[in-house]
Amino acid sequence: MPAADARLFLAVPPGLRERRALAAARDALPRGPWILDPVADADFHLTVHFLGATPLRLVDDLRRELGAVCHARRRFDLRLGRVRAFPDAGDPRVVCIGIEDPGGRFEELRAATGRVLRAYGIPGTGREVEPHVTLARVERPDPGRSPGAPLAAAPGAGGREGFGVEALALMRSRPEAEGPPRYEALAVLPLS
């Protein structure tokens, strides 16, 4: 990746109420079948789009254009869904919690921000990802447990907890030699 590029993504930063619900779901994850590296409370986010390697010279333009998209929309609520392995239980990279979007407002916001990104020639990573919040990264299978064991018993929020969408954040991901990446908010874009 050229030095003038950065790994960016667009996300919904959770509020305090949402962070508490996410931390409770993370802390209640059953032991095994994997050895997990829990996500820190401060790093929770609902991914909207992965932009991938993006020229940093576009950040101001993206802040303005994505900010206009956000300003034209009112705040709304989602519901936290079920806990699951991603991409699948057979070979997971993360354990996450999905969302439920009963009014379709999140998908509409996601489509509108996606149009802005494509207009700037940012195709993303080429993979569509179902919106989720990562609770833990999977380090490796636990040798004492059978791989692929279901997470059905994991006490996720299961649609009971609200998840307020009050802003989007344009985030930078900085890989670390050891441990999880560091995240930096380049812009916080409030909904009206």
N, C-alpha and C. Protein backbone atom coordinates (compact mmCIF):
# COMPACT_ATOMS: atom_id res chain seq x y z
N MET A 1 0.85 -1.16 0.00
CA MET A 1 0.00 0.00 0.00
C MET A 1 0.90 1.24 0.00
N PRO A 2 0.70 2.17 -0.94
CA PRO A 2 1.51 3.39 -0.97
C PRO A 2 1.35 4.17 0.34
N ALA A 3 2.39 4.95 0.70
CA ALA A 3 2.38 5.69 1.96
C ALA A 3 1.24 6.70 2.02
N ALA A 4 0.75 7.15 0.88
CA ALA A 4 -0.33 8.13 0.85
C ALA A 4 -1.71 7.47 0.95
N ASP A 5 -1.74 6.15 1.12
CA ASP A 5 -3.00 5.42 1.27
C ASP A 5 -3.15 4.94 2.71
N ALA A 6 -4.37 4.72 3.10
CA ALA A 6 -4.65 4.17 4.43
C ALA A 6 -5.81 3.19 4.33
N ARG A 7 -5.83 2.21 5.23
CA ARG A 7 -6.96 1.26 5.30
C ARG A 7 -8.10 1.95 6.04
N LEU A 8 -9.17 2.24 5.32
CA LEU A 8 -10.29 2.96 5.90
C LEU A 8 -11.55 2.10 5.92
N PHE A 9 -12.45 2.44 6.83
CA PHE A 9 -13.78 1.85 6.84
C PHE A 9 -14.76 2.87 7.40
N LEU A 10 -16.02 2.66 7.11
CA LEU A 10 -17.09 3.51 7.60
C LEU A 10 -17.87 2.70 8.62
N ALA A 11 -18.13 3.29 9.79
CA ALA A 11 -18.75 2.53 10.88
C ALA A 11 -19.71 3.39 11.68
N VAL A 12 -20.58 2.72 12.43
CA VAL A 12 -21.44 3.38 13.40
C VAL A 12 -20.75 3.22 14.76
N PRO A 13 -20.36 4.34 15.39
CA PRO A 13 -19.79 4.22 16.74
C PRO A 13 -20.91 4.04 17.75
N PRO A 14 -20.81 3.05 18.62
CA PRO A 14 -21.88 2.84 19.61
C PRO A 14 -21.80 3.85 20.74
N GLY A 15 -22.96 4.17 21.30
CA GLY A 15 -23.02 5.00 22.49
C GLY A 15 -22.75 4.17 23.73
N LEU A 16 -22.81 4.79 24.87
CA LEU A 16 -22.50 4.11 26.14
C LEU A 16 -23.44 2.93 26.39
N ARG A 17 -24.74 3.14 26.17
CA ARG A 17 -25.73 2.06 26.37
C ARG A 17 -25.40 0.86 25.49
N GLU A 18 -25.07 1.14 24.22
CA GLU A 18 -24.76 0.07 23.27
C GLU A 18 -23.46 -0.63 23.65
N ARG A 19 -22.46 0.14 24.08
CA ARG A 19 -21.18 -0.47 24.50
C ARG A 19 -21.39 -1.44 25.67
N ARG A 20 -22.25 -1.05 26.59
CA ARG A 20 -22.52 -1.93 27.73
C ARG A 20 -23.18 -3.22 27.28
N ALA A 21 -24.14 -3.13 26.36
CA ALA A 21 -24.81 -4.35 25.86
C ALA A 21 -23.83 -5.22 25.09
N LEU A 22 -22.96 -4.60 24.30
CA LEU A 22 -21.96 -5.37 23.54
C LEU A 22 -20.95 -6.03 24.48
N ALA A 23 -20.52 -5.30 25.50
CA ALA A 23 -19.56 -5.86 26.46
C ALA A 23 -20.19 -7.04 27.19
N ALA A 24 -21.47 -6.93 27.54
CA ALA A 24 -22.15 -8.04 28.23
C ALA A 24 -22.23 -9.27 27.32
N ALA A 25 -22.53 -9.06 26.03
CA ALA A 25 -22.58 -10.19 25.09
C ALA A 25 -21.19 -10.80 24.92
N ARG A 26 -20.16 -9.96 24.81
CA ARG A 26 -18.79 -10.47 24.69
C ARG A 26 -18.38 -11.25 25.92
N ASP A 27 -18.67 -10.70 27.09
CA ASP A 27 -18.24 -11.34 28.33
C ASP A 27 -18.98 -12.64 28.60
N ALA A 28 -20.14 -12.82 27.97
CA ALA A 28 -20.93 -14.04 28.17
C ALA A 28 -20.62 -15.12 27.13
N LEU A 29 -19.67 -14.87 26.22
CA LEU A 29 -19.34 -15.87 25.21
C LEU A 29 -18.88 -17.15 25.89
N PRO A 30 -19.36 -18.29 25.41
CA PRO A 30 -18.94 -19.55 26.02
C PRO A 30 -17.48 -19.85 25.72
N ARG A 31 -16.84 -20.53 26.63
CA ARG A 31 -15.45 -20.93 26.40
C ARG A 31 -15.44 -22.00 25.31
N GLY A 32 -14.52 -21.85 24.37
CA GLY A 32 -14.41 -22.81 23.28
C GLY A 32 -15.55 -22.66 22.32
N PRO A 33 -15.49 -23.21 21.18
CA PRO A 33 -14.47 -24.15 20.71
C PRO A 33 -13.19 -23.47 20.22
N TRP A 34 -13.10 -22.14 20.41
CA TRP A 34 -11.94 -21.40 19.93
C TRP A 34 -11.30 -20.62 21.07
N ILE A 35 -10.04 -20.32 20.90
CA ILE A 35 -9.36 -19.41 21.82
C ILE A 35 -9.58 -18.01 21.25
N LEU A 36 -10.19 -17.15 22.07
CA LEU A 36 -10.64 -15.85 21.60
C LEU A 36 -9.79 -14.72 22.15
N ASP A 37 -9.66 -13.66 21.33
CA ASP A 37 -9.03 -12.41 21.74
C ASP A 37 -10.15 -11.38 21.79
N PRO A 38 -10.68 -11.07 22.97
CA PRO A 38 -11.83 -10.16 23.07
C PRO A 38 -11.52 -8.76 22.56
N VAL A 39 -12.49 -8.14 21.93
CA VAL A 39 -12.37 -6.75 21.47
C VAL A 39 -12.56 -5.84 22.67
N ALA A 40 -11.72 -4.82 22.78
CA ALA A 40 -11.85 -3.84 23.86
C ALA A 40 -13.13 -3.02 23.66
N ASP A 41 -13.74 -2.63 24.75
CA ASP A 41 -14.98 -1.85 24.67
C ASP A 41 -14.83 -0.64 23.76
N ALA A 42 -13.71 0.06 23.83
CA ALA A 42 -13.49 1.27 23.03
C ALA A 42 -13.40 0.98 21.54
N ASP A 43 -13.16 -0.27 21.16
CA ASP A 43 -13.00 -0.62 19.74
C ASP A 43 -14.27 -1.16 19.11
N PHE A 44 -15.35 -1.30 19.86
CA PHE A 44 -16.61 -1.77 19.27
C PHE A 44 -17.06 -0.78 18.20
N HIS A 45 -17.56 -1.31 17.08
CA HIS A 45 -18.15 -0.49 16.02
C HIS A 45 -18.98 -1.39 15.11
N LEU A 46 -20.01 -0.81 14.53
CA LEU A 46 -20.85 -1.51 13.56
C LEU A 46 -20.33 -1.12 12.18
N THR A 47 -19.73 -2.07 11.49
CA THR A 47 -19.15 -1.79 10.18
C THR A 47 -20.25 -1.54 9.15
N VAL A 48 -20.09 -0.46 8.40
CA VAL A 48 -21.02 -0.11 7.32
C VAL A 48 -20.39 -0.49 5.98
N HIS A 49 -19.16 -0.04 5.74
CA HIS A 49 -18.42 -0.36 4.51
C HIS A 49 -16.94 -0.49 4.83
N PHE A 50 -16.29 -1.47 4.21
CA PHE A 50 -14.83 -1.52 4.18
C PHE A 50 -14.40 -0.78 2.92
N LEU A 51 -13.56 0.24 3.06
CA LEU A 51 -13.09 0.99 1.89
C LEU A 51 -11.79 0.40 1.37
N GLY A 52 -11.05 -0.27 2.23
CA GLY A 52 -9.75 -0.79 1.82
C GLY A 52 -8.73 0.33 1.72
N ALA A 53 -7.67 0.09 0.94
CA ALA A 53 -6.61 1.10 0.77
C ALA A 53 -7.19 2.29 0.01
N THR A 54 -7.22 3.43 0.68
CA THR A 54 -7.85 4.63 0.14
C THR A 54 -6.86 5.78 0.20
N PRO A 55 -6.75 6.57 -0.88
CA PRO A 55 -5.84 7.74 -0.84
C PRO A 55 -6.27 8.73 0.25
N LEU A 56 -5.33 9.11 1.09
CA LEU A 56 -5.63 10.04 2.17
C LEU A 56 -6.06 11.40 1.65
N ARG A 57 -5.69 11.74 0.43
CA ARG A 57 -6.09 13.03 -0.16
C ARG A 57 -7.60 13.12 -0.32
N LEU A 58 -8.31 11.99 -0.27
CA LEU A 58 -9.77 11.99 -0.42
C LEU A 58 -10.52 12.20 0.89
N VAL A 59 -9.83 12.19 2.01
CA VAL A 59 -10.52 12.22 3.31
C VAL A 59 -11.38 13.47 3.46
N ASP A 60 -10.88 14.65 3.12
CA ASP A 60 -11.69 15.87 3.27
C ASP A 60 -12.92 15.84 2.38
N ASP A 61 -12.77 15.36 1.14
CA ASP A 61 -13.92 15.25 0.25
C ASP A 61 -14.93 14.24 0.79
N LEU A 62 -14.45 13.10 1.26
CA LEU A 62 -15.35 12.09 1.81
C LEU A 62 -16.06 12.61 3.05
N ARG A 63 -15.33 13.35 3.89
CA ARG A 63 -15.94 13.94 5.09
C ARG A 63 -17.11 14.85 4.68
N ARG A 64 -16.90 15.68 3.67
CA ARG A 64 -17.94 16.60 3.22
C ARG A 64 -19.13 15.85 2.61
N GLU A 65 -18.86 14.94 1.67
CA GLU A 65 -19.94 14.25 0.95
C GLU A 65 -20.70 13.26 1.84
N LEU A 66 -19.97 12.48 2.62
CA LEU A 66 -20.63 11.55 3.52
C LEU A 66 -21.35 12.30 4.65
N GLY A 67 -20.77 13.42 5.07
CA GLY A 67 -21.41 14.26 6.07
C GLY A 67 -22.76 14.79 5.59
N ALA A 68 -22.84 15.15 4.30
CA ALA A 68 -24.11 15.63 3.74
C ALA A 68 -25.14 14.50 3.71
N VAL A 69 -24.71 13.29 3.38
CA VAL A 69 -25.62 12.14 3.40
C VAL A 69 -26.17 11.94 4.81
N CYS A 70 -25.30 12.01 5.80
CA CYS A 70 -25.73 11.81 7.19
C CYS A 70 -26.65 12.93 7.65
N HIS A 71 -26.29 14.16 7.33
CA HIS A 71 -27.08 15.32 7.77
C HIS A 71 -28.50 15.27 7.21
N ALA A 72 -28.68 14.66 6.06
CA ALA A 72 -30.00 14.58 5.42
C ALA A 72 -30.89 13.49 6.03
N ARG A 73 -30.40 12.77 7.03
CA ARG A 73 -31.15 11.67 7.61
C ARG A 73 -31.28 11.85 9.12
N ARG A 74 -32.39 11.39 9.64
CA ARG A 74 -32.63 11.45 11.08
C ARG A 74 -32.04 10.23 11.77
N ARG A 75 -31.75 10.41 13.04
CA ARG A 75 -31.26 9.30 13.86
C ARG A 75 -32.33 8.22 13.94
N PHE A 76 -31.88 6.98 14.12
CA PHE A 76 -32.83 5.86 14.20
C PHE A 76 -32.23 4.75 15.03
N ASP A 77 -33.05 3.75 15.31
CA ASP A 77 -32.61 2.62 16.13
C ASP A 77 -32.64 1.32 15.34
N LEU A 78 -31.66 0.50 15.61
CA LEU A 78 -31.59 -0.88 15.15
C LEU A 78 -31.78 -1.76 16.38
N ARG A 79 -31.74 -3.06 16.18
CA ARG A 79 -31.73 -3.99 17.30
C ARG A 79 -30.54 -4.92 17.13
N LEU A 80 -29.90 -5.23 18.24
CA LEU A 80 -28.82 -6.21 18.19
C LEU A 80 -29.44 -7.58 17.93
N GLY A 81 -28.77 -8.37 17.11
CA GLY A 81 -29.27 -9.68 16.72
C GLY A 81 -28.59 -10.81 17.46
N ARG A 82 -28.30 -11.87 16.71
CA ARG A 82 -27.74 -13.07 17.34
C ARG A 82 -26.22 -13.08 17.25
N VAL A 83 -25.60 -13.78 18.16
CA VAL A 83 -24.16 -13.98 18.16
C VAL A 83 -23.85 -15.11 17.20
N ARG A 84 -22.79 -14.94 16.38
CA ARG A 84 -22.44 -15.95 15.39
C ARG A 84 -20.95 -15.88 15.09
N ALA A 85 -20.47 -16.92 14.43
CA ALA A 85 -19.09 -16.97 13.95
C ALA A 85 -19.08 -16.41 12.53
N PHE A 86 -18.01 -15.69 12.17
CA PHE A 86 -17.89 -15.11 10.83
C PHE A 86 -16.53 -15.48 10.25
N PRO A 87 -16.40 -15.90 9.04
CA PRO A 87 -17.48 -16.04 8.07
C PRO A 87 -18.34 -17.28 8.29
N ASP A 88 -17.81 -18.30 8.97
CA ASP A 88 -18.64 -19.46 9.30
C ASP A 88 -18.03 -20.18 10.49
N ALA A 89 -18.82 -21.06 11.10
CA ALA A 89 -18.37 -21.75 12.31
C ALA A 89 -17.26 -22.76 12.05
N GLY A 90 -17.10 -23.21 10.80
CA GLY A 90 -16.07 -24.19 10.49
C GLY A 90 -14.67 -23.61 10.50
N ASP A 91 -14.54 -22.35 10.10
CA ASP A 91 -13.24 -21.69 10.04
C ASP A 91 -13.42 -20.20 10.32
N PRO A 92 -13.77 -19.85 11.55
CA PRO A 92 -14.09 -18.46 11.86
C PRO A 92 -12.87 -17.57 12.01
N ARG A 93 -13.05 -16.31 11.69
CA ARG A 93 -12.04 -15.29 11.97
C ARG A 93 -12.44 -14.45 13.18
N VAL A 94 -13.77 -14.28 13.34
CA VAL A 94 -14.28 -13.49 14.45
C VAL A 94 -15.58 -14.10 14.98
N VAL A 95 -15.91 -13.74 16.21
CA VAL A 95 -17.23 -13.98 16.77
C VAL A 95 -17.87 -12.60 16.86
N CYS A 96 -19.07 -12.48 16.30
CA CYS A 96 -19.69 -11.16 16.19
C CYS A 96 -21.17 -11.24 16.55
N ILE A 97 -21.78 -10.08 16.60
CA ILE A 97 -23.22 -9.99 16.82
C ILE A 97 -23.81 -9.22 15.65
N GLY A 98 -24.86 -9.76 15.09
CA GLY A 98 -25.50 -9.13 13.95
C GLY A 98 -26.47 -8.04 14.40
N ILE A 99 -27.10 -7.41 13.42
CA ILE A 99 -28.11 -6.40 13.71
C ILE A 99 -29.41 -6.75 12.99
N GLU A 100 -30.48 -6.19 13.49
CA GLU A 100 -31.78 -6.30 12.83
C GLU A 100 -32.20 -4.88 12.47
N ASP A 101 -32.67 -4.72 11.26
CA ASP A 101 -33.02 -3.40 10.69
C ASP A 101 -34.49 -3.43 10.26
N PRO A 102 -35.42 -3.46 11.23
CA PRO A 102 -36.82 -3.66 10.86
C PRO A 102 -37.40 -2.59 9.94
N GLY A 103 -36.92 -1.36 10.02
CA GLY A 103 -37.46 -0.30 9.18
C GLY A 103 -36.72 -0.10 7.88
N GLY A 104 -35.60 -0.80 7.68
CA GLY A 104 -34.82 -0.66 6.46
C GLY A 104 -34.01 0.63 6.37
N ARG A 105 -33.95 1.40 7.44
CA ARG A 105 -33.25 2.69 7.39
C ARG A 105 -31.73 2.52 7.32
N PHE A 106 -31.22 1.49 7.99
CA PHE A 106 -29.78 1.26 7.93
C PHE A 106 -29.36 0.87 6.51
N GLU A 107 -30.11 -0.02 5.89
CA GLU A 107 -29.77 -0.42 4.52
C GLU A 107 -29.87 0.76 3.56
N GLU A 108 -30.82 1.67 3.77
CA GLU A 108 -30.92 2.85 2.92
C GLU A 108 -29.71 3.75 3.13
N LEU A 109 -29.29 3.94 4.39
CA LEU A 109 -28.10 4.74 4.68
C LEU A 109 -26.86 4.09 4.08
N ARG A 110 -26.80 2.80 4.19
CA ARG A 110 -25.67 2.05 3.63
C ARG A 110 -25.61 2.19 2.11
N ALA A 111 -26.77 2.13 1.44
CA ALA A 111 -26.82 2.29 -0.01
C ALA A 111 -26.40 3.71 -0.41
N ALA A 112 -26.88 4.71 0.32
CA ALA A 112 -26.54 6.11 -0.01
C ALA A 112 -25.05 6.38 0.18
N THR A 113 -24.46 5.87 1.25
CA THR A 113 -23.03 6.08 1.45
C THR A 113 -22.22 5.28 0.43
N GLY A 114 -22.73 4.13 0.05
CA GLY A 114 -22.06 3.33 -0.99
C GLY A 114 -22.01 4.06 -2.32
N ARG A 115 -23.07 4.80 -2.66
CA ARG A 115 -23.08 5.57 -3.91
C ARG A 115 -22.01 6.66 -3.88
N VAL A 116 -21.83 7.30 -2.72
CA VAL A 116 -20.78 8.33 -2.59
C VAL A 116 -19.41 7.69 -2.80
N LEU A 117 -19.19 6.56 -2.16
CA LEU A 117 -17.88 5.91 -2.27
C LEU A 117 -17.58 5.51 -3.72
N ARG A 118 -18.57 4.94 -4.39
CA ARG A 118 -18.37 4.55 -5.79
C ARG A 118 -18.12 5.76 -6.68
N ALA A 119 -18.77 6.89 -6.38
CA ALA A 119 -18.54 8.11 -7.16
C ALA A 119 -17.10 8.59 -7.05
N TYR A 120 -16.45 8.27 -5.95
CA TYR A 120 -15.04 8.63 -5.76
C TYR A 120 -14.11 7.51 -6.20
N GLY A 121 -14.67 6.51 -6.84
CA GLY A 121 -13.84 5.41 -7.34
C GLY A 121 -13.36 4.48 -6.26
N ILE A 122 -14.08 4.42 -5.15
CA ILE A 122 -13.71 3.54 -4.05
C ILE A 122 -14.64 2.34 -4.09
N PRO A 123 -14.17 1.25 -4.67
CA PRO A 123 -15.05 0.08 -4.78
C PRO A 123 -15.14 -0.72 -3.50
N GLY A 124 -14.34 -0.40 -2.52
CA GLY A 124 -14.28 -1.20 -1.30
C GLY A 124 -13.36 -2.38 -1.53
N THR A 125 -13.53 -3.38 -0.72
CA THR A 125 -12.64 -4.54 -0.78
C THR A 125 -13.12 -5.59 -1.77
N GLY A 126 -14.28 -5.34 -2.39
CA GLY A 126 -14.82 -6.31 -3.32
C GLY A 126 -15.63 -7.40 -2.64
N ARG A 127 -15.82 -7.28 -1.34
CA ARG A 127 -16.63 -8.28 -0.63
C ARG A 127 -17.70 -7.55 0.17
N GLU A 128 -18.90 -7.98 -0.03
CA GLU A 128 -20.01 -7.44 0.76
C GLU A 128 -20.02 -8.18 2.08
N VAL A 129 -20.11 -7.44 3.14
CA VAL A 129 -20.10 -8.04 4.46
C VAL A 129 -21.42 -7.72 5.14
N GLU A 130 -22.05 -8.73 5.71
CA GLU A 130 -23.27 -8.50 6.47
C GLU A 130 -22.91 -7.65 7.69
N PRO A 131 -23.67 -6.58 7.94
CA PRO A 131 -23.33 -5.70 9.06
C PRO A 131 -23.26 -6.47 10.38
N HIS A 132 -22.23 -6.17 11.15
CA HIS A 132 -22.01 -6.85 12.42
C HIS A 132 -21.09 -6.03 13.30
N VAL A 133 -21.07 -6.38 14.57
CA VAL A 133 -20.11 -5.82 15.53
C VAL A 133 -19.24 -6.99 16.00
N THR A 134 -17.94 -6.87 15.82
CA THR A 134 -17.02 -7.92 16.27
C THR A 134 -16.91 -7.87 17.79
N LEU A 135 -17.10 -9.03 18.42
CA LEU A 135 -16.98 -9.17 19.87
C LEU A 135 -15.62 -9.72 20.26
N ALA A 136 -15.07 -10.62 19.42
CA ALA A 136 -13.78 -11.24 19.70
C ALA A 136 -13.19 -11.76 18.40
N ARG A 137 -11.88 -11.74 18.31
CA ARG A 137 -11.17 -12.35 17.18
C ARG A 137 -10.79 -13.77 17.58
N VAL A 138 -10.86 -14.67 16.61
CA VAL A 138 -10.51 -16.07 16.86
C VAL A 138 -9.02 -16.22 16.63
N GLU A 139 -8.31 -16.59 17.68
CA GLU A 139 -6.86 -16.79 17.54
C GLU A 139 -6.57 -18.15 16.93
N ARG A 140 -7.23 -19.18 17.46
CA ARG A 140 -7.02 -20.53 16.94
C ARG A 140 -8.03 -21.46 17.60
N PRO A 141 -8.24 -22.61 17.02
CA PRO A 141 -9.14 -23.57 17.68
C PRO A 141 -8.56 -23.98 19.03
N ASP A 142 -9.42 -24.23 19.95
CA ASP A 142 -9.02 -24.74 21.26
C ASP A 142 -8.85 -26.25 21.09
N PRO A 143 -7.63 -26.80 21.28
CA PRO A 143 -7.41 -28.22 21.04
C PRO A 143 -8.27 -29.12 21.92
N GLY A 144 -8.76 -28.60 23.03
CA GLY A 144 -9.58 -29.41 23.92
C GLY A 144 -11.06 -29.41 23.55
N ARG A 145 -11.44 -28.69 22.50
CA ARG A 145 -12.85 -28.58 22.13
C ARG A 145 -13.02 -28.96 20.67
N SER A 146 -14.21 -29.36 20.31
CA SER A 146 -14.43 -29.72 18.91
C SER A 146 -14.70 -28.46 18.09
N PRO A 147 -14.04 -28.31 16.94
CA PRO A 147 -14.25 -27.12 16.12
C PRO A 147 -15.66 -27.09 15.56
N GLY A 148 -16.14 -25.88 15.36
CA GLY A 148 -17.45 -25.71 14.74
C GLY A 148 -18.61 -25.88 15.69
N ALA A 149 -18.34 -25.96 17.00
CA ALA A 149 -19.45 -26.08 17.96
C ALA A 149 -20.32 -24.84 17.86
N PRO A 150 -21.61 -25.01 17.97
CA PRO A 150 -22.53 -23.88 17.76
C PRO A 150 -22.43 -22.82 18.85
N LEU A 151 -22.75 -21.60 18.46
CA LEU A 151 -22.82 -20.50 19.41
C LEU A 151 -24.25 -20.24 19.84
N ALA A 152 -25.14 -21.17 19.53
CA ALA A 152 -26.56 -20.96 19.82
C ALA A 152 -26.80 -20.68 21.29
N ALA A 153 -25.96 -21.22 22.15
CA ALA A 153 -26.15 -21.01 23.58
C ALA A 153 -25.60 -19.66 24.04
N ALA A 154 -24.88 -18.96 23.17
CA ALA A 154 -24.32 -17.67 23.55
C ALA A 154 -25.46 -16.68 23.79
N PRO A 155 -25.47 -16.05 24.95
CA PRO A 155 -26.57 -15.14 25.26
C PRO A 155 -26.39 -13.79 24.58
N GLY A 156 -26.63 -13.72 23.29
CA GLY A 156 -26.59 -12.45 22.57
C GLY A 156 -27.81 -11.64 22.92
N ALA A 157 -27.88 -10.44 22.40
CA ALA A 157 -29.01 -9.57 22.70
C ALA A 157 -30.29 -10.09 22.06
N GLY A 158 -30.17 -10.83 20.94
CA GLY A 158 -31.31 -11.48 20.34
C GLY A 158 -32.48 -10.57 20.00
N GLY A 159 -32.21 -9.34 19.59
CA GLY A 159 -33.27 -8.44 19.19
C GLY A 159 -33.89 -7.67 20.34
N ARG A 160 -33.41 -7.89 21.55
CA ARG A 160 -34.00 -7.19 22.70
C ARG A 160 -33.35 -5.84 22.94
N GLU A 161 -32.08 -5.71 22.64
CA GLU A 161 -31.36 -4.47 22.91
C GLU A 161 -31.38 -3.55 21.70
N GLY A 162 -31.69 -2.28 21.93
CA GLY A 162 -31.64 -1.29 20.86
C GLY A 162 -30.20 -0.89 20.58
N PHE A 163 -29.99 -0.42 19.37
CA PHE A 163 -28.67 0.08 18.96
C PHE A 163 -28.92 1.37 18.21
N GLY A 164 -28.67 2.50 18.87
CA GLY A 164 -28.93 3.80 18.27
C GLY A 164 -27.92 4.16 17.21
N VAL A 165 -28.41 4.63 16.07
CA VAL A 165 -27.54 5.12 15.00
C VAL A 165 -27.66 6.64 15.02
N GLU A 166 -26.66 7.29 15.60
CA GLU A 166 -26.66 8.74 15.74
C GLU A 166 -25.60 9.40 14.88
N ALA A 167 -24.63 8.63 14.40
CA ALA A 167 -23.55 9.17 13.59
C ALA A 167 -22.86 8.03 12.85
N LEU A 168 -22.12 8.39 11.83
CA LEU A 168 -21.17 7.48 11.20
C LEU A 168 -19.78 8.02 11.48
N ALA A 169 -18.80 7.16 11.43
CA ALA A 169 -17.42 7.59 11.61
C ALA A 169 -16.59 7.02 10.46
N LEU A 170 -15.77 7.89 9.87
CA LEU A 170 -14.79 7.45 8.88
C LEU A 170 -13.56 7.07 9.68
N MET A 171 -13.23 5.78 9.65
CA MET A 171 -12.20 5.23 10.53
C MET A 171 -10.97 4.78 9.74
N ARG A 172 -9.83 4.90 10.39
CA ARG A 172 -8.57 4.38 9.85
C ARG A 172 -8.15 3.20 10.70
N SER A 173 -7.75 2.13 10.04
CA SER A 173 -7.27 0.94 10.72
C SER A 173 -5.77 0.85 10.52
N ARG A 174 -5.03 0.81 11.62
CA ARG A 174 -3.57 0.70 11.55
C ARG A 174 -3.16 -0.67 12.10
N PRO A 175 -2.71 -1.55 11.22
CA PRO A 175 -2.30 -2.88 11.69
C PRO A 175 -1.13 -2.78 12.66
N GLU A 176 -1.12 -3.64 13.64
CA GLU A 176 -0.06 -3.72 14.63
C GLU A 176 0.73 -5.00 14.40
N ALA A 177 2.00 -4.99 14.72
CA ALA A 177 2.82 -6.20 14.58
C ALA A 177 2.31 -7.30 15.50
N GLU A 178 1.87 -6.93 16.68
CA GLU A 178 1.32 -7.86 17.65
C GLU A 178 -0.06 -7.36 18.06
N GLY A 179 -1.03 -8.22 18.07
CA GLY A 179 -2.35 -7.86 18.57
C GLY A 179 -3.26 -7.25 17.51
N PRO A 180 -4.40 -6.75 17.97
CA PRO A 180 -5.40 -6.23 17.05
C PRO A 180 -4.97 -4.89 16.46
N PRO A 181 -5.62 -4.48 15.37
CA PRO A 181 -5.29 -3.18 14.79
C PRO A 181 -5.71 -2.04 15.72
N ARG A 182 -5.11 -0.87 15.51
CA ARG A 182 -5.52 0.34 16.22
C ARG A 182 -6.47 1.10 15.31
N TYR A 183 -7.51 1.68 15.88
CA TYR A 183 -8.49 2.43 15.12
C TYR A 183 -8.40 3.91 15.46
N GLU A 184 -8.56 4.73 14.44
CA GLU A 184 -8.51 6.18 14.61
C GLU A 184 -9.69 6.77 13.83
N ALA A 185 -10.50 7.59 14.50
CA ALA A 185 -11.62 8.27 13.84
C ALA A 185 -11.06 9.48 13.09
N LEU A 186 -11.20 9.47 11.77
CA LEU A 186 -10.77 10.62 10.96
C LEU A 186 -11.87 11.66 10.87
N ALA A 187 -13.11 11.22 10.99
CA ALA A 187 -14.26 12.13 10.95
C ALA A 187 -15.46 11.46 11.60
N VAL A 188 -16.21 12.21 12.39
CA VAL A 188 -17.48 11.75 12.94
C VAL A 188 -18.56 12.57 12.27
N LEU A 189 -19.53 11.89 11.66
CA LEU A 189 -20.53 12.52 10.81
C LEU A 189 -21.92 12.31 11.42
N PRO A 190 -22.44 13.30 12.16
CA PRO A 190 -23.71 13.10 12.86
C PRO A 190 -24.92 13.09 11.92
N LEU A 191 -25.89 12.26 12.28
CA LEU A 191 -27.19 12.32 11.63
C LEU A 191 -27.96 13.46 12.29
N SER A 192 -28.96 13.98 11.61
CA SER A 192 -29.69 15.13 12.19
C SER A 192 -30.79 14.66 13.13
